[in-house]
Amino acid sequence: MGILRTIVIIMLVYYVFKIVARYAFPFFIKRFMGKMENKFREQQGFNKEEEVNVGETVIDKTPNNKTSNNNVGEYVDYEEVE
C-alpha cells in the first residue's frame, strides 16, 4: 500500500509541475527578456522618448563651420598614367 501511495504522489507532483510549467515559465521568460531588452537599450543609449516613427524623416543639421585647417597636409601634383 505504501508503494502505491508513493507512486500516486510522484505522478501528482509530476502533472502539477507540468501544468504550472506550461503557464508560469513563459511568463517568467517574457519578464526576463523584457529586462534584458531594457538593459540593452540603456547600454546602447536608446530612449523610448527619442524613438522615431516609421516613415518619419528627421534631419539633424550641423553648424556651418567655415574654418579650414591649413595644416592638413601637403598638396602633391600627380600625372594620370594611361
PDB file of N, CA and C in Angstrom:
ATOM      1  N   MET A   1       0.820  -1.187   0.000  1.00  0.00           N
ATOM      2  CA  MET A   1       0.000   0.000   0.000  1.00  0.00           C
ATOM      3  C   MET A   1       0.869   1.258   0.000  1.00  0.00           C
ATOM      4  N   GLY A   2       2.025   1.201   0.669  1.00  0.00           N
ATOM      5  CA  GLY A   2       2.926   2.351   0.750  1.00  0.00           C
ATOM      6  C   GLY A   2       3.556   2.690  -0.592  1.00  0.00           C
ATOM      7  N   ILE A   3       3.890   1.673  -1.392  1.00  0.00           N
ATOM      8  CA  ILE A   3       4.495   1.894  -2.703  1.00  0.00           C
ATOM      9  C   ILE A   3       3.482   2.525  -3.654  1.00  0.00           C
ATOM     10  N   LEU A   4       2.241   2.048  -3.602  1.00  0.00           N
ATOM     11  CA  LEU A   4       1.188   2.603  -4.450  1.00  0.00           C
ATOM     12  C   LEU A   4       0.938   4.073  -4.122  1.00  0.00           C
ATOM     13  N   ARG A   5       0.934   4.402  -2.826  1.00  0.00           N
ATOM     14  CA  ARG A   5       0.749   5.782  -2.394  1.00  0.00           C
ATOM     15  C   ARG A   5       1.903   6.658  -2.888  1.00  0.00           C
ATOM     16  N   THR A   6       3.110   6.179  -2.819  1.00  0.00           N
ATOM     17  CA  THR A   6       4.290   6.928  -3.270  1.00  0.00           C
ATOM     18  C   THR A   6       4.234   7.170  -4.776  1.00  0.00           C
ATOM     19  N   ILE A   7       3.848   6.173  -5.524  1.00  0.00           N
ATOM     20  CA  ILE A   7       3.739   6.314  -6.983  1.00  0.00           C
ATOM     21  C   ILE A   7       2.670   7.342  -7.338  1.00  0.00           C
ATOM     22  N   VAL A   8       1.529   7.330  -6.650  1.00  0.00           N
ATOM     23  CA  VAL A   8       0.459   8.296  -6.911  1.00  0.00           C
ATOM     24  C   VAL A   8       0.933   9.709  -6.577  1.00  0.00           C
ATOM     25  N   ILE A   9       1.635   9.886  -5.487  1.00  0.00           N
ATOM     26  CA  ILE A   9       2.147  11.207  -5.110  1.00  0.00           C
ATOM     27  C   ILE A   9       3.153  11.706  -6.152  1.00  0.00           C
ATOM     28  N   ILE A  10       4.034  10.839  -6.594  1.00  0.00           N
ATOM     29  CA  ILE A  10       5.021  11.221  -7.608  1.00  0.00           C
ATOM     30  C   ILE A  10       4.322  11.625  -8.899  1.00  0.00           C
ATOM     31  N   MET A  11       3.309  10.872  -9.299  1.00  0.00           N
ATOM     32  CA  MET A  11       2.570  11.206 -10.522  1.00  0.00           C
ATOM     33  C   MET A  11       1.826  12.532 -10.373  1.00  0.00           C
ATOM     34  N   LEU A  12       1.217  12.780  -9.222  1.00  0.00           N
ATOM     35  CA  LEU A  12       0.524  14.046  -8.986  1.00  0.00           C
ATOM     36  C   LEU A  12       1.502  15.223  -9.037  1.00  0.00           C
ATOM     37  N   VAL A  13       2.636  15.074  -8.392  1.00  0.00           N
ATOM     38  CA  VAL A  13       3.650  16.139  -8.413  1.00  0.00           C
ATOM     39  C   VAL A  13       4.124  16.371  -9.840  1.00  0.00           C
ATOM     40  N   TYR A  14       4.330  15.328 -10.606  1.00  0.00           N
ATOM     41  CA  TYR A  14       4.776  15.462 -11.995  1.00  0.00           C
ATOM     42  C   TYR A  14       3.757  16.238 -12.826  1.00  0.00           C
ATOM     43  N   TYR A  15       2.465  15.859 -12.732  1.00  0.00           N
ATOM     44  CA  TYR A  15       1.445  16.522 -13.544  1.00  0.00           C
ATOM     45  C   TYR A  15       1.192  17.958 -13.088  1.00  0.00           C
ATOM     46  N   VAL A  16       1.245  18.206 -11.781  1.00  0.00           N
ATOM     47  CA  VAL A  16       1.092  19.577 -11.298  1.00  0.00           C
ATOM     48  C   VAL A  16       2.252  20.427 -11.795  1.00  0.00           C
ATOM     49  N   PHE A  17       3.464  19.909 -11.726  1.00  0.00           N
ATOM     50  CA  PHE A  17       4.629  20.638 -12.224  1.00  0.00           C
ATOM     51  C   PHE A  17       4.509  20.906 -13.724  1.00  0.00           C
ATOM     52  N   LYS A  18       4.003  19.934 -14.448  1.00  0.00           N
ATOM     53  CA  LYS A  18       3.842  20.074 -15.891  1.00  0.00           C
ATOM     54  C   LYS A  18       2.840  21.176 -16.226  1.00  0.00           C
ATOM     55  N   ILE A  19       1.723  21.225 -15.505  1.00  0.00           N
ATOM     56  CA  ILE A  19       0.699  22.243 -15.747  1.00  0.00           C
ATOM     57  C   ILE A  19       1.211  23.623 -15.344  1.00  0.00           C
ATOM     58  N   VAL A  20       1.853  23.722 -14.196  1.00  0.00           N
ATOM     59  CA  VAL A  20       2.380  25.011 -13.736  1.00  0.00           C
ATOM     60  C   VAL A  20       3.474  25.502 -14.691  1.00  0.00           C
ATOM     61  N   ALA A  21       4.305  24.605 -15.145  1.00  0.00           N
ATOM     62  CA  ALA A  21       5.393  24.987 -16.050  1.00  0.00           C
ATOM     63  C   ALA A  21       4.854  25.508 -17.370  1.00  0.00           C
ATOM     64  N   ARG A  22       3.750  24.981 -17.829  1.00  0.00           N
ATOM     65  CA  ARG A  22       3.168  25.407 -19.103  1.00  0.00           C
ATOM     66  C   ARG A  22       2.741  26.869 -19.056  1.00  0.00           C
ATOM     67  N   TYR A  23       2.292  27.344 -17.892  1.00  0.00           N
ATOM     68  CA  TYR A  23       1.797  28.715 -17.784  1.00  0.00           C
ATOM     69  C   TYR A  23       2.779  29.660 -17.092  1.00  0.00           C
ATOM     70  N   ALA A  24       3.531  29.178 -16.137  1.00  0.00           N
ATOM     71  CA  ALA A  24       4.402  30.052 -15.355  1.00  0.00           C
ATOM     72  C   ALA A  24       5.726  30.336 -16.061  1.00  0.00           C
ATOM     73  N   PHE A  25       6.340  29.361 -16.677  1.00  0.00           N
ATOM     74  CA  PHE A  25       7.638  29.573 -17.298  1.00  0.00           C
ATOM     75  C   PHE A  25       7.599  30.593 -18.424  1.00  0.00           C
ATOM     76  N   PRO A  26       6.603  30.574 -19.322  1.00  0.00           N
ATOM     77  CA  PRO A  26       6.565  31.619 -20.354  1.00  0.00           C
ATOM     78  C   PRO A  26       6.451  33.021 -19.758  1.00  0.00           C
ATOM     79  N   PHE A  27       5.692  33.147 -18.671  1.00  0.00           N
ATOM     80  CA  PHE A  27       5.582  34.444 -18.009  1.00  0.00           C
ATOM     81  C   PHE A  27       6.939  34.916 -17.508  1.00  0.00           C
ATOM     82  N   PHE A  28       7.671  34.038 -16.844  1.00  0.00           N
ATOM     83  CA  PHE A  28       8.978  34.416 -16.314  1.00  0.00           C
ATOM     84  C   PHE A  28       9.990  34.664 -17.432  1.00  0.00           C
ATOM     85  N   ILE A  29       9.915  33.912 -18.502  1.00  0.00           N
ATOM     86  CA  ILE A  29      10.827  34.108 -19.628  1.00  0.00           C
ATOM     87  C   ILE A  29      10.564  35.461 -20.287  1.00  0.00           C
ATOM     88  N   LYS A  30       9.288  35.826 -20.506  1.00  0.00           N
ATOM     89  CA  LYS A  30       8.961  37.123 -21.093  1.00  0.00           C
ATOM     90  C   LYS A  30       9.443  38.257 -20.203  1.00  0.00           C
ATOM     91  N   ARG A  31       9.254  38.106 -18.907  1.00  0.00           N
ATOM     92  CA  ARG A  31       9.696  39.133 -17.967  1.00  0.00           C
ATOM     93  C   ARG A  31      11.220  39.268 -18.002  1.00  0.00           C
ATOM     94  N   PHE A  32      11.922  38.158 -18.005  1.00  0.00           N
ATOM     95  CA  PHE A  32      13.383  38.176 -18.053  1.00  0.00           C
ATOM     96  C   PHE A  32      13.878  38.814 -19.350  1.00  0.00           C
ATOM     97  N   MET A  33      13.262  38.452 -20.481  1.00  0.00           N
ATOM     98  CA  MET A  33      13.679  39.018 -21.766  1.00  0.00           C
ATOM     99  C   MET A  33      13.383  40.518 -21.827  1.00  0.00           C
ATOM    100  N   GLY A  34      12.277  40.954 -21.231  1.00  0.00           N
ATOM    101  CA  GLY A  34      11.971  42.376 -21.186  1.00  0.00           C
ATOM    102  C   GLY A  34      13.020  43.155 -20.407  1.00  0.00           C
ATOM    103  N   LYS A  35      13.455  42.601 -19.295  1.00  0.00           N
ATOM    104  CA  LYS A  35      14.504  43.255 -18.506  1.00  0.00           C
ATOM    105  C   LYS A  35      15.810  43.307 -19.279  1.00  0.00           C
ATOM    106  N   MET A  36      16.143  42.227 -19.965  1.00  0.00           N
ATOM    107  CA  MET A  36      17.376  42.211 -20.748  1.00  0.00           C
ATOM    108  C   MET A  36      17.297  43.221 -21.890  1.00  0.00           C
ATOM    109  N   GLU A  37      16.131  43.355 -22.517  1.00  0.00           N
ATOM    110  CA  GLU A  37      15.959  44.325 -23.594  1.00  0.00           C
ATOM    111  C   GLU A  37      16.135  45.745 -23.066  1.00  0.00           C
ATOM    112  N   ASN A  38      15.581  46.026 -21.894  1.00  0.00           N
ATOM    113  CA  ASN A  38      15.735  47.355 -21.306  1.00  0.00           C
ATOM    114  C   ASN A  38      17.194  47.650 -20.981  1.00  0.00           C
ATOM    115  N   LYS A  39      17.916  46.666 -20.462  1.00  0.00           N
ATOM    116  CA  LYS A  39      19.343  46.851 -20.178  1.00  0.00           C
ATOM    117  C   LYS A  39      20.111  47.128 -21.465  1.00  0.00           C
ATOM    118  N   PHE A  40      19.785  46.390 -22.517  1.00  0.00           N
ATOM    119  CA  PHE A  40      20.454  46.588 -23.797  1.00  0.00           C
ATOM    120  C   PHE A  40      20.189  47.989 -24.323  1.00  0.00           C
ATOM    121  N   ARG A  41      18.928  48.414 -24.247  1.00  0.00           N
ATOM    122  CA  ARG A  41      18.579  49.757 -24.731  1.00  0.00           C
ATOM    123  C   ARG A  41      19.304  50.838 -23.929  1.00  0.00           C
ATOM    124  N   GLU A  42      19.427  50.648 -22.628  1.00  0.00           N
ATOM    125  CA  GLU A  42      20.143  51.619 -21.804  1.00  0.00           C
ATOM    126  C   GLU A  42      21.615  51.662 -22.175  1.00  0.00           C
ATOM    127  N   GLN A  43      22.218  50.506 -22.409  1.00  0.00           N
ATOM    128  CA  GLN A  43      23.632  50.457 -22.767  1.00  0.00           C
ATOM    129  C   GLN A  43      23.882  51.087 -24.123  1.00  0.00           C
ATOM    130  N   GLN A  44      22.950  50.930 -25.048  1.00  0.00           N
ATOM    131  CA  GLN A  44      23.120  51.471 -26.388  1.00  0.00           C
ATOM    132  C   GLN A  44      22.680  52.923 -26.483  1.00  0.00           C
ATOM    133  N   GLY A  45      22.064  53.461 -25.445  1.00  0.00           N
ATOM    134  CA  GLY A  45      21.655  54.850 -25.449  1.00  0.00           C
ATOM    135  C   GLY A  45      20.322  55.100 -26.108  1.00  0.00           C
ATOM    136  N   PHE A  46      19.495  54.087 -26.251  1.00  0.00           N
ATOM    137  CA  PHE A  46      18.171  54.269 -26.830  1.00  0.00           C
ATOM    138  C   PHE A  46      17.206  54.691 -25.742  1.00  0.00           C
ATOM    139  N   ASN A  47      16.374  55.651 -26.062  1.00  0.00           N
ATOM    140  CA  ASN A  47      15.303  56.054 -25.153  1.00  0.00           C
ATOM    141  C   ASN A  47      13.985  55.950 -25.886  1.00  0.00           C
ATOM    142  N   LYS A  48      12.939  55.576 -25.187  1.00  0.00           N
ATOM    143  CA  LYS A  48      11.643  55.452 -25.838  1.00  0.00           C
ATOM    144  C   LYS A  48      11.126  56.805 -26.289  1.00  0.00           C
ATOM    145  N   GLU A  49      11.505  57.883 -25.584  1.00  0.00           N
ATOM    146  CA  GLU A  49      11.042  59.202 -25.966  1.00  0.00           C
ATOM    147  C   GLU A  49      11.669  59.643 -27.286  1.00  0.00           C
ATOM    148  N   GLU A  50      12.846  59.136 -27.597  1.00  0.00           N
ATOM    149  CA  GLU A  50      13.574  59.559 -28.781  1.00  0.00           C
ATOM    150  C   GLU A  50      13.300  58.682 -29.999  1.00  0.00           C
ATOM    151  N   GLU A  51      12.464  57.679 -29.843  1.00  0.00           N
ATOM    152  CA  GLU A  51      12.200  56.799 -30.969  1.00  0.00           C
ATOM    153  C   GLU A  51      11.488  57.559 -32.072  1.00  0.00           C
ATOM    154  N   VAL A  52      11.891  57.311 -33.296  1.00  0.00           N
ATOM    155  CA  VAL A  52      11.308  57.973 -34.454  1.00  0.00           C
ATOM    156  C   VAL A  52      10.241  57.057 -35.038  1.00  0.00           C
ATOM    157  N   ASN A  53       9.123  57.649 -35.405  1.00  0.00           N
ATOM    158  CA  ASN A  53       8.065  56.856 -36.024  1.00  0.00           C
ATOM    159  C   ASN A  53       8.528  56.354 -37.387  1.00  0.00           C
ATOM    160  N   VAL A  54       8.029  55.207 -37.783  1.00  0.00           N
ATOM    161  CA  VAL A  54       8.401  54.627 -39.064  1.00  0.00           C
ATOM    162  C   VAL A  54       7.884  55.534 -40.174  1.00  0.00           C
ATOM    163  N   GLY A  55       8.756  55.882 -41.103  1.00  0.00           N
ATOM    164  CA  GLY A  55       8.388  56.729 -42.220  1.00  0.00           C
ATOM    165  C   GLY A  55       8.620  58.199 -41.959  1.00  0.00           C
ATOM    166  N   GLU A  56       8.941  58.569 -40.732  1.00  0.00           N
ATOM    167  CA  GLU A  56       9.169  59.973 -40.396  1.00  0.00           C
ATOM    168  C   GLU A  56      10.624  60.323 -40.704  1.00  0.00           C
ATOM    169  N   THR A  57      10.824  61.464 -41.325  1.00  0.00           N
ATOM    170  CA  THR A  57      12.162  61.901 -41.681  1.00  0.00           C
ATOM    171  C   THR A  57      12.656  62.914 -40.658  1.00  0.00           C
ATOM    172  N   VAL A  58      13.839  62.677 -40.137  1.00  0.00           N
ATOM    173  CA  VAL A  58      14.432  63.583 -39.168  1.00  0.00           C
ATOM    174  C   VAL A  58      15.747  64.072 -39.744  1.00  0.00           C
ATOM    175  N   ILE A  59      15.929  65.395 -39.761  1.00  0.00           N
ATOM    176  CA  ILE A  59      17.157  65.984 -40.277  1.00  0.00           C
ATOM    177  C   ILE A  59      17.853  66.697 -39.134  1.00  0.00           C
ATOM    178  N   ASP A  60      19.052  66.257 -38.818  1.00  0.00           N
ATOM    179  CA  ASP A  60      19.866  66.925 -37.812  1.00  0.00           C
ATOM    180  C   ASP A  60      20.876  67.782 -38.542  1.00  0.00           C
ATOM    181  N   LYS A  61      20.773  69.089 -38.396  1.00  0.00           N
ATOM    182  CA  LYS A  61      21.690  69.987 -39.077  1.00  0.00           C
ATOM    183  C   LYS A  61      22.888  70.242 -38.188  1.00  0.00           C
ATOM    184  N   THR A  62      24.048  70.231 -38.816  1.00  0.00           N
ATOM    185  CA  THR A  62      25.263  70.565 -38.096  1.00  0.00           C
ATOM    186  C   THR A  62      25.562  72.033 -38.313  1.00  0.00           C
ATOM    187  N   PRO A  63      26.211  72.679 -37.367  1.00  0.00           N
ATOM    188  CA  PRO A  63      26.516  74.094 -37.548  1.00  0.00           C
ATOM    189  C   PRO A  63      27.514  74.289 -38.688  1.00  0.00           C
ATOM    190  N   ASN A  64      27.378  75.419 -39.384  1.00  0.00           N
ATOM    191  CA  ASN A  64      28.271  75.723 -40.503  1.00  0.00           C
ATOM    192  C   ASN A  64      29.578  76.286 -39.968  1.00  0.00           C
ATOM    193  N   ASN A  65      30.581  75.475 -39.943  1.00  0.00           N
ATOM    194  CA  ASN A  65      31.909  75.927 -39.526  1.00  0.00           C
ATOM    195  C   ASN A  65      32.718  76.202 -40.781  1.00  0.00           C
ATOM    196  N   LYS A  66      32.987  77.482 -41.038  1.00  0.00           N
ATOM    197  CA  LYS A  66      33.710  77.886 -42.243  1.00  0.00           C
ATOM    198  C   LYS A  66      35.220  77.861 -42.039  1.00  0.00           C
ATOM    199  N   THR A  67      35.651  77.466 -40.865  1.00  0.00           N
ATOM    200  CA  THR A  67      37.090  77.457 -40.615  1.00  0.00           C
ATOM    201  C   THR A  67      37.708  76.246 -41.289  1.00  0.00           C
ATOM    202  N   SER A  68      38.853  76.463 -41.891  1.00  0.00           N
ATOM    203  CA  SER A  68      39.571  75.360 -42.522  1.00  0.00           C
ATOM    204  C   SER A  68      40.911  75.206 -41.840  1.00  0.00           C
ATOM    205  N   ASN A  69      41.395  74.027 -41.873  1.00  0.00           N
ATOM    206  CA  ASN A  69      42.678  73.739 -41.250  1.00  0.00           C
ATOM    207  C   ASN A  69      43.738  73.680 -42.344  1.00  0.00           C
ATOM    208  N   ASN A  70      44.637  74.651 -42.382  1.00  0.00           N
ATOM    209  CA  ASN A  70      45.675  74.699 -43.403  1.00  0.00           C
ATOM    210  C   ASN A  70      46.803  73.715 -43.129  1.00  0.00           C
ATOM    211  N   ASN A  71      46.839  73.143 -41.976  1.00  0.00           N
ATOM    212  CA  ASN A  71      47.895  72.203 -41.618  1.00  0.00           C
ATOM    213  C   ASN A  71      47.484  70.762 -41.906  1.00  0.00           C
ATOM    214  N   VAL A  72      46.590  70.600 -42.879  1.00  0.00           N
ATOM    215  CA  VAL A  72      46.090  69.270 -43.175  1.00  0.00           C
ATOM    216  C   VAL A  72      47.163  68.416 -43.820  1.00  0.00           C
ATOM    217  N   GLY A  73      47.885  68.952 -44.738  1.00  0.00           N
ATOM    218  CA  GLY A  73      48.923  68.182 -45.405  1.00  0.00           C
ATOM    219  C   GLY A  73      49.469  68.935 -46.599  1.00  0.00           C
ATOM    220  N   GLU A  74      50.339  68.278 -47.319  1.00  0.00           N
ATOM    221  CA  GLU A  74      50.990  68.898 -48.463  1.00  0.00           C
ATOM    222  C   GLU A  74      50.269  68.460 -49.735  1.00  0.00           C
ATOM    223  N   TYR A  75      50.046  69.418 -50.645  1.00  0.00           N
ATOM    224  CA  TYR A  75      49.402  69.097 -51.907  1.00  0.00           C
ATOM    225  C   TYR A  75      50.445  68.486 -52.841  1.00  0.00           C
ATOM    226  N   VAL A  76      50.092  67.347 -53.428  1.00  0.00           N
ATOM    227  CA  VAL A  76      51.015  66.679 -54.352  1.00  0.00           C
ATOM    228  C   VAL A  76      50.356  66.630 -55.717  1.00  0.00           C
ATOM    229  N   ASP A  77      51.034  67.228 -56.700  1.00  0.00           N
ATOM    230  CA  ASP A  77      50.532  67.189 -58.055  1.00  0.00           C
ATOM    231  C   ASP A  77      50.854  65.819 -58.646  1.00  0.00           C
ATOM    232  N   TYR A  78      49.948  65.267 -59.422  1.00  0.00           N
ATOM    233  CA  TYR A  78      50.180  63.950 -59.989  1.00  0.00           C
ATOM    234  C   TYR A  78      49.769  63.930 -61.434  1.00  0.00           C
ATOM    235  N   GLU A  79      50.356  63.001 -62.151  1.00  0.00           N
ATOM    236  CA  GLU A  79      50.006  62.801 -63.554  1.00  0.00           C
ATOM    237  C   GLU A  79      49.253  61.497 -63.684  1.00  0.00           C
ATOM    238  N   GLU A  80      48.256  61.500 -64.532  1.00  0.00           N
ATOM    239  CA  GLU A  80      47.484  60.284 -64.737  1.00  0.00           C
ATOM    240  C   GLU A  80      48.229  59.397 -65.738  1.00  0.00           C
ATOM    241  N   VAL A  81      48.450  58.155 -65.398  1.00  0.00           N
ATOM    242  CA  VAL A  81      49.173  57.204 -66.226  1.00  0.00           C
ATOM    243  C   VAL A  81      48.163  56.385 -66.995  1.00  0.00           C
ATOM    244  N   GLU A  82      48.381  56.301 -68.316  1.00  0.00           N
ATOM    245  CA  GLU A  82      47.457  55.537 -69.148  1.00  0.00           C
ATOM    246  C   GLU A  82      47.952  54.136 -69.393  1.00  0.00           C
TER     247      GLU A  82
END
